Amino acid sequence: MKEIVVRIKDAVKMKEGRRAVNGVCLEVGSGELVAVQGKSGSGKTTAALAALGLLGSGLHAEGSVLLKGESFR
């Protein structure tokens, strides 16, 4: 079994009371390469920014991000 180095669980991004990204879950193991794909406007960039804690003002993210088992944000 590979060590999980990145785990995103139940990521949600709120904007003006609406869920812009809902329930994103992702696990990346040691040595794995992951790509996220989807249509334009489907929330790929927004999910990544929320996971990194880089959302702009007025935006709220929920869920957890773990890096090697430790809370990232």
Protein backbone atom coordinates (compact mmCIF):
# COMPACT_ATOMS: atom_id res chain seq x y z
CA MET A 1 0.00 0.00 0.00
CA LYS A 2 1.37 3.43 -0.95
CA GLU A 3 1.66 6.22 1.57
CA ILE A 4 -1.04 8.87 1.02
CA VAL A 5 0.83 12.18 0.79
CA VAL A 6 -2.08 14.49 -0.09
CA ARG A 7 -5.67 13.99 1.04
CA ILE A 8 -8.50 16.43 0.31
CA LYS A 9 -11.78 15.53 1.97
CA ASP A 10 -15.20 17.09 1.48
CA ALA A 11 -13.92 20.36 0.03
CA VAL A 12 -16.68 22.94 -0.36
CA LYS A 13 -16.36 26.52 -1.59
CA MET A 14 -19.07 29.02 -0.81
CA LYS A 15 -19.71 32.23 -2.73
CA GLU A 16 -22.60 34.51 -1.88
CA GLY A 17 -24.34 31.69 0.02
CA ARG A 18 -24.09 29.25 -2.90
CA ARG A 19 -21.87 26.19 -3.21
CA ALA A 20 -19.50 26.77 -6.11
CA VAL A 21 -17.55 23.54 -5.43
CA ASN A 22 -19.19 20.73 -3.48
CA GLY A 23 -17.82 17.56 -1.93
CA VAL A 24 -14.43 17.27 -3.63
CA CYS A 25 -12.40 14.31 -2.32
CA LEU A 26 -8.97 13.32 -3.58
CA GLU A 27 -6.10 11.13 -2.39
CA VAL A 28 -2.65 11.19 -3.96
CA GLY A 29 -0.15 8.49 -3.06
CA SER A 30 3.62 8.74 -2.95
CA GLY A 31 4.99 8.75 -6.52
CA GLU A 32 1.58 9.25 -8.14
CA LEU A 33 0.79 11.92 -10.71
CA VAL A 34 -2.79 13.21 -10.81
CA ALA A 35 -4.63 15.31 -13.37
CA VAL A 36 -8.01 16.95 -12.84
CA GLN A 37 -10.08 17.51 -15.94
CA GLY A 38 -13.48 18.92 -16.68
CA LYS A 39 -15.39 21.43 -18.73
CA SER A 40 -14.68 25.13 -18.56
CA GLY A 41 -16.30 26.57 -15.44
CA SER A 42 -16.63 23.21 -13.68
CA GLY A 43 -14.53 24.28 -10.68
CA LYS A 44 -11.08 22.78 -11.30
CA THR A 45 -9.13 25.95 -10.52
CA THR A 46 -11.50 26.94 -7.72
CA ALA A 47 -11.05 23.56 -6.02
CA ALA A 48 -7.25 23.85 -6.26
CA LEU A 49 -7.26 27.40 -4.86
CA ALA A 50 -9.56 26.35 -2.01
CA ALA A 51 -7.27 23.41 -1.15
CA LEU A 52 -4.26 25.73 -1.08
CA GLY A 53 -6.04 28.38 1.00
CA LEU A 54 -5.69 30.96 -1.75
CA LEU A 55 -9.31 32.04 -2.18
CA GLY A 56 -10.06 35.72 -2.50
CA SER A 57 -11.94 37.85 0.01
CA GLY A 58 -15.59 37.04 0.54
CA LEU A 59 -15.07 33.38 -0.31
CA HIS A 60 -15.31 30.59 2.24
CA ALA A 61 -13.92 27.04 2.02
CA GLU A 62 -14.69 24.03 4.21
CA GLY A 63 -13.29 20.52 4.42
CA SER A 64 -9.82 19.26 5.21
CA VAL A 65 -6.49 19.13 3.42
CA LEU A 66 -3.76 16.87 4.81
CA LEU A 67 -0.16 16.78 3.66
CA LYS A 68 1.56 13.60 4.88
CA GLY A 69 -1.12 13.29 7.57
CA GLU A 70 -0.75 16.84 8.90
CA SER A 71 -3.30 19.61 8.43
CA PHE A 72 -2.21 21.89 5.59
CA ARG A 73 -4.37 24.89 6.38
